Amino acid sequence: MMRNNPFTLEGKNILVTGGAGGIGSATALACINLGARVILTDIRKDALESVLALLPESLSGEANLCYAADLINMDELAALIEFCPRLDGVVCNAGIMKLTLTQFITEDELLRIQRVNLNAPIMLVRSLLKHKKINKGGSIVFTASAAGVYRVSIGNGIYATTKCGIDAFMRTVALEFGPKGIRCNSVNPGMVETALISSFTEEEKKKEMLNYPLRRFAKPEDVANGITYLLSDAASFVTGIALKIDGGMTLS
């Protein structure tokens, strides 16, 4: 007997921001492999095209689109909204991080990280909802972080603050738009093997890894799998949660 697979994304239109990064590209490829049509956006168009070039020939083609945009620029954000079809899923993944001790934080640094990590995803989701671009039954997923929510670390104040803010916004959207059939959740990864941790030395990584019972950091695909679950109908009764994908780090 044929049974429906609730984990499939077949026929869904999904927007992924930060699509050229480690988690973003892994998420886009996972969505496509599960049958979705993806609109991939990032500030770097050449990097976006490189992501789609990774697809096997059977999954490549014109169905999946790249759109270069700087989402802290309101004109470019508006153009992206206009470009997008009606969506079944939105993954707000773009983000930056810089470790700075509190006494050395500058206003420019604070505002730069805040604009990318907090302002841009808030304004994107606000605009998509305002213009009714998200279908009933749709799912919004933010990439937040275990940083700040479950654990603090030296020099990570700005990044952690923005990610805590995203989780608060996520819960508000879930509450406001649940009656309209739109779900909103986040994923809270621990350390992920992406460019964001490239400034860490091998010694620092080994020391940090001792905080993880699984004795490794997440791969981008680990986070992507959590995101695709939240996008899928398998999570149709899941909204307002921050899904920990941290290898048990918050147990220690």
Protein backbone atom coordinates (compact mmCIF):
# COMPACT_ATOMS: atom_id res chain seq x y z
CA MET A 1 0.00 0.00 0.00
CA MET A 2 1.33 3.45 -0.96
CA ARG A 3 1.70 5.84 1.95
CA ASN A 4 2.31 9.55 1.91
CA ASN A 5 5.73 10.57 3.17
CA PRO A 6 5.23 13.52 5.58
CA PHE A 7 8.93 14.38 5.38
CA THR A 8 8.89 15.14 1.66
CA LEU A 9 9.03 18.72 0.39
CA GLU A 10 7.64 17.77 -3.01
CA GLY A 11 5.92 20.69 -4.72
CA LYS A 12 6.91 23.28 -2.12
CA ASN A 13 8.49 26.66 -2.94
CA ILE A 14 11.15 27.50 -0.37
CA LEU A 15 13.24 30.66 0.06
CA VAL A 16 16.66 30.18 1.68
CA THR A 17 18.69 33.24 2.72
CA GLY A 18 22.42 33.05 3.34
CA GLY A 19 22.29 30.38 0.67
CA ALA A 20 25.99 30.51 -0.18
CA GLY A 21 27.11 29.74 3.37
CA GLY A 22 27.70 26.35 4.96
CA ILE A 23 24.30 25.82 6.60
CA GLY A 24 22.43 27.72 3.88
CA SER A 25 23.88 25.75 1.00
CA ALA A 26 23.41 22.43 2.83
CA THR A 27 19.79 23.39 3.53
CA ALA A 28 19.11 24.38 -0.07
CA LEU A 29 20.55 21.12 -1.40
CA ALA A 30 18.61 19.09 1.17
CA CYS A 31 15.36 20.84 0.23
CA ILE A 32 15.96 20.21 -3.48
CA ASN A 33 16.77 16.55 -2.82
CA LEU A 34 13.44 16.28 -0.99
CA GLY A 35 11.56 17.66 -3.99
CA ALA A 36 11.31 21.38 -3.25
CA ARG A 37 11.79 24.25 -5.66
CA VAL A 38 14.30 26.59 -4.02
CA ILE A 39 14.92 30.30 -4.36
CA LEU A 40 18.43 30.78 -3.06
CA THR A 41 19.56 34.25 -2.00
CA ASP A 42 22.83 35.68 -0.74
CA ILE A 43 24.88 38.80 -1.28
CA ARG A 44 27.33 36.79 -3.46
CA LYS A 45 25.81 35.74 -6.79
CA ASP A 46 28.83 33.74 -7.98
CA ALA A 47 28.80 31.71 -4.77
CA LEU A 48 25.08 31.02 -5.19
CA GLU A 49 25.61 29.67 -8.68
CA SER A 50 28.38 27.45 -7.35
CA VAL A 51 25.92 25.90 -4.90
CA LEU A 52 23.44 24.95 -7.63
CA ALA A 53 26.33 23.60 -9.70
CA LEU A 54 26.75 20.90 -7.02
CA LEU A 55 23.39 19.37 -7.94
CA PRO A 56 23.36 16.13 -9.90
CA GLU A 57 22.11 16.56 -13.47
CA SER A 58 18.82 14.87 -12.62
CA LEU A 59 18.00 17.64 -10.11
CA SER A 60 19.46 20.64 -11.93
CA GLY A 61 17.54 22.91 -14.23
CA GLU A 62 15.60 26.14 -14.24
CA ALA A 63 13.27 25.24 -11.37
CA ASN A 64 15.77 26.38 -8.72
CA LEU A 65 16.68 30.05 -8.81
CA CYS A 66 19.45 32.28 -7.49
CA TYR A 67 18.82 35.88 -6.49
CA ALA A 68 21.64 38.08 -5.23
CA ALA A 69 20.50 40.62 -2.63
CA ASP A 70 21.84 42.50 0.36
CA LEU A 71 18.96 42.09 2.80
CA ILE A 72 19.98 45.04 4.98
CA ASN A 73 19.24 47.23 1.95
CA MET A 74 15.49 47.86 1.98
CA ASP A 75 15.31 48.46 -1.78
CA GLU A 76 17.02 45.15 -2.51
CA LEU A 77 14.83 43.40 0.04
CA ALA A 78 11.70 44.83 -1.63
CA ALA A 79 12.95 43.62 -5.02
CA LEU A 80 13.45 40.12 -3.60
CA ILE A 81 9.90 40.10 -2.22
CA GLU A 82 8.61 41.08 -5.66
CA PHE A 83 10.73 38.36 -7.30
CA CYS A 84 9.51 35.54 -5.06
CA PRO A 85 6.46 33.44 -5.93
CA ARG A 86 4.08 32.47 -3.16
CA LEU A 87 6.12 30.44 -0.70
CA ASP A 88 5.54 27.33 1.36
CA GLY A 89 8.74 27.73 3.37
CA VAL A 90 11.21 30.42 4.38
CA VAL A 91 14.62 29.74 5.91
CA CYS A 92 16.24 32.84 7.43
CA ASN A 93 19.82 31.72 7.67
CA ALA A 94 22.08 34.68 6.79
CA GLY A 95 24.33 35.67 9.67
CA ILE A 96 27.74 36.93 10.73
CA MET A 97 29.81 36.59 13.90
CA LYS A 98 32.80 38.34 15.40
CA LEU A 99 34.23 37.68 18.86
CA THR A 100 34.96 40.89 20.75
CA LEU A 101 35.46 41.44 24.46
CA THR A 102 32.79 43.73 25.88
CA GLN A 103 35.08 46.70 26.59
CA PHE A 104 36.28 46.71 22.98
CA ILE A 105 32.87 46.63 21.25
CA THR A 106 32.40 49.53 18.84
CA GLU A 107 29.08 50.99 17.77
CA ASP A 108 29.84 50.21 14.12
CA GLU A 109 30.48 46.55 14.93
CA LEU A 110 27.36 46.33 17.07
CA LEU A 111 25.16 47.83 14.36
CA ARG A 112 26.70 45.75 11.56
CA ILE A 113 26.06 42.42 13.30
CA GLN A 114 22.63 43.53 14.49
CA ARG A 115 21.55 44.58 10.98
CA VAL A 116 22.55 41.25 9.42
CA ASN A 117 21.53 38.86 12.21
CA LEU A 118 18.41 40.57 13.56
CA ASN A 119 17.09 43.47 11.48
CA ALA A 120 17.32 41.75 8.08
CA PRO A 121 15.43 38.54 8.97
CA ILE A 122 12.79 40.48 10.89
CA MET A 123 12.17 42.85 7.99
CA LEU A 124 12.20 39.99 5.47
CA VAL A 125 9.57 37.99 7.34
CA ARG A 126 7.53 41.12 8.06
CA SER A 127 7.51 41.99 4.34
CA LEU A 128 6.65 38.46 3.20
CA LEU A 129 3.74 38.31 5.65
CA LYS A 130 2.55 41.83 4.87
CA HIS A 131 2.44 41.06 1.14
CA LYS A 132 0.81 37.66 1.76
CA LYS A 133 3.66 35.78 0.11
CA ILE A 134 3.52 32.80 2.50
CA ASN A 135 0.85 30.19 1.87
CA LYS A 136 -1.45 28.81 4.53
CA GLY A 137 0.31 25.75 5.91
CA GLY A 138 3.65 27.45 5.31
CA SER A 139 6.64 27.24 7.61
CA ILE A 140 9.21 29.85 8.65
CA VAL A 141 12.50 28.66 10.14
CA PHE A 142 15.17 30.89 11.64
CA THR A 143 18.75 29.79 12.21
CA ALA A 144 19.39 30.97 15.76
CA SER A 145 22.02 29.51 18.08
CA ALA A 146 22.61 27.77 21.38
CA ALA A 147 24.88 30.76 22.09
CA GLY A 148 23.29 33.02 24.66
CA VAL A 149 20.13 30.96 25.02
CA TYR A 150 21.67 27.99 26.82
CA ARG A 151 25.28 28.98 27.24
CA VAL A 152 27.41 32.12 27.14
CA SER A 153 31.02 32.43 26.08
CA ILE A 154 33.65 35.13 26.37
CA GLY A 155 33.61 37.70 23.57
CA ASN A 156 30.36 36.44 22.07
CA GLY A 157 28.02 39.07 23.49
CA ILE A 158 26.78 40.74 20.31
CA TYR A 159 26.24 37.54 18.31
CA ALA A 160 24.50 35.81 21.23
CA THR A 161 22.26 38.82 21.82
CA THR A 162 21.09 38.88 18.20
CA LYS A 163 20.35 35.16 18.24
CA CYS A 164 18.37 35.44 21.49
CA GLY A 165 16.43 38.25 19.83
CA ILE A 166 15.62 36.07 16.83
CA ASP A 167 14.23 33.35 19.10
CA ALA A 168 12.00 35.92 20.83
CA PHE A 169 10.77 37.21 17.46
CA MET A 170 10.18 33.64 16.27
CA ARG A 171 7.86 32.91 19.19
CA THR A 172 5.93 36.13 18.56
CA VAL A 173 5.41 35.27 14.88
CA ALA A 174 4.31 31.75 15.85
CA LEU A 175 1.71 33.22 18.22
CA GLU A 176 0.43 35.86 15.80
CA PHE A 177 0.26 33.74 12.65
CA GLY A 178 -0.67 30.34 14.04
CA PRO A 179 -4.38 31.17 13.57
CA LYS A 180 -3.60 31.82 9.89
CA GLY A 181 -2.05 28.37 9.53
CA ILE A 182 1.56 29.58 9.32
CA ARG A 183 4.13 27.94 11.58
CA CYS A 184 7.34 29.53 12.84
CA ASN A 185 10.28 27.82 14.55
CA SER A 186 14.04 28.08 14.89
CA VAL A 187 17.02 25.78 15.08
CA ASN A 188 19.61 26.33 17.81
CA PRO A 189 22.88 24.73 16.71
CA GLY A 190 25.99 24.54 18.81
CA MET A 191 29.31 24.81 17.00
CA VAL A 192 29.03 23.99 13.30
CA GLU A 193 31.91 23.28 10.93
CA THR A 194 31.47 26.39 8.78
CA ALA A 195 33.43 29.53 7.94
CA LEU A 196 31.98 31.21 11.05
CA ILE A 197 34.42 29.28 13.24
CA SER A 198 37.41 29.63 10.92
CA SER A 199 39.07 32.04 13.35
CA PHE A 200 39.31 29.32 16.02
CA THR A 201 42.65 27.55 16.35
CA GLU A 202 42.78 23.75 16.29
CA GLU A 203 43.66 23.83 19.98
CA GLU A 204 40.61 25.97 20.75
CA LYS A 205 38.40 23.62 18.74
CA LYS A 206 39.71 20.54 20.59
CA LYS A 207 39.11 22.22 23.94
CA GLU A 208 35.58 23.29 22.98
CA MET A 209 34.77 19.82 21.65
CA LEU A 210 35.15 18.41 25.16
CA ASN A 211 31.84 20.15 25.98
CA TYR A 212 30.06 17.93 23.42
CA PRO A 213 29.11 14.41 24.56
CA LEU A 214 29.25 13.28 20.91
CA ARG A 215 32.81 14.66 20.75
CA ARG A 216 32.35 16.48 17.47
CA PHE A 217 30.82 19.66 16.12
CA ALA A 218 27.80 19.64 13.85
CA LYS A 219 28.19 19.35 10.12
CA PRO A 220 26.07 21.77 8.07
CA GLU A 221 24.01 18.77 6.95
CA ASP A 222 23.08 18.00 10.58
CA VAL A 223 21.48 21.42 10.88
CA ALA A 224 19.92 21.20 7.41
CA ASN A 225 18.17 17.97 8.40
CA GLY A 226 16.55 19.70 11.36
CA ILE A 227 15.46 22.59 9.16
CA THR A 228 13.91 20.35 6.51
CA TYR A 229 11.97 18.55 9.25
CA LEU A 230 10.51 21.85 10.45
CA LEU A 231 9.65 22.81 6.87
CA SER A 232 7.89 19.51 6.21
CA ASP A 233 4.36 18.35 6.96
CA ALA A 234 5.87 15.96 9.51
CA ALA A 235 6.12 19.04 11.75
CA SER A 236 2.63 20.33 10.95
CA PHE A 237 1.75 20.57 14.67
CA VAL A 238 5.09 22.06 15.69
CA THR A 239 5.32 25.83 16.11
CA GLY A 240 7.08 28.25 18.44
CA ILE A 241 9.95 25.93 19.34
CA ALA A 242 13.72 26.35 19.28
CA LEU A 243 15.06 22.97 18.15
CA LYS A 244 18.41 22.23 19.75
CA ILE A 245 20.90 20.61 17.36
CA ASP A 246 23.91 20.70 19.62
CA GLY A 247 25.27 17.18 20.05
CA GLY A 248 24.31 17.28 23.72
CA MET A 249 26.42 20.38 24.44
CA THR A 250 23.76 21.96 26.64
CA LEU A 251 23.79 18.89 28.90
CA SER A 252 27.26 19.77 30.17
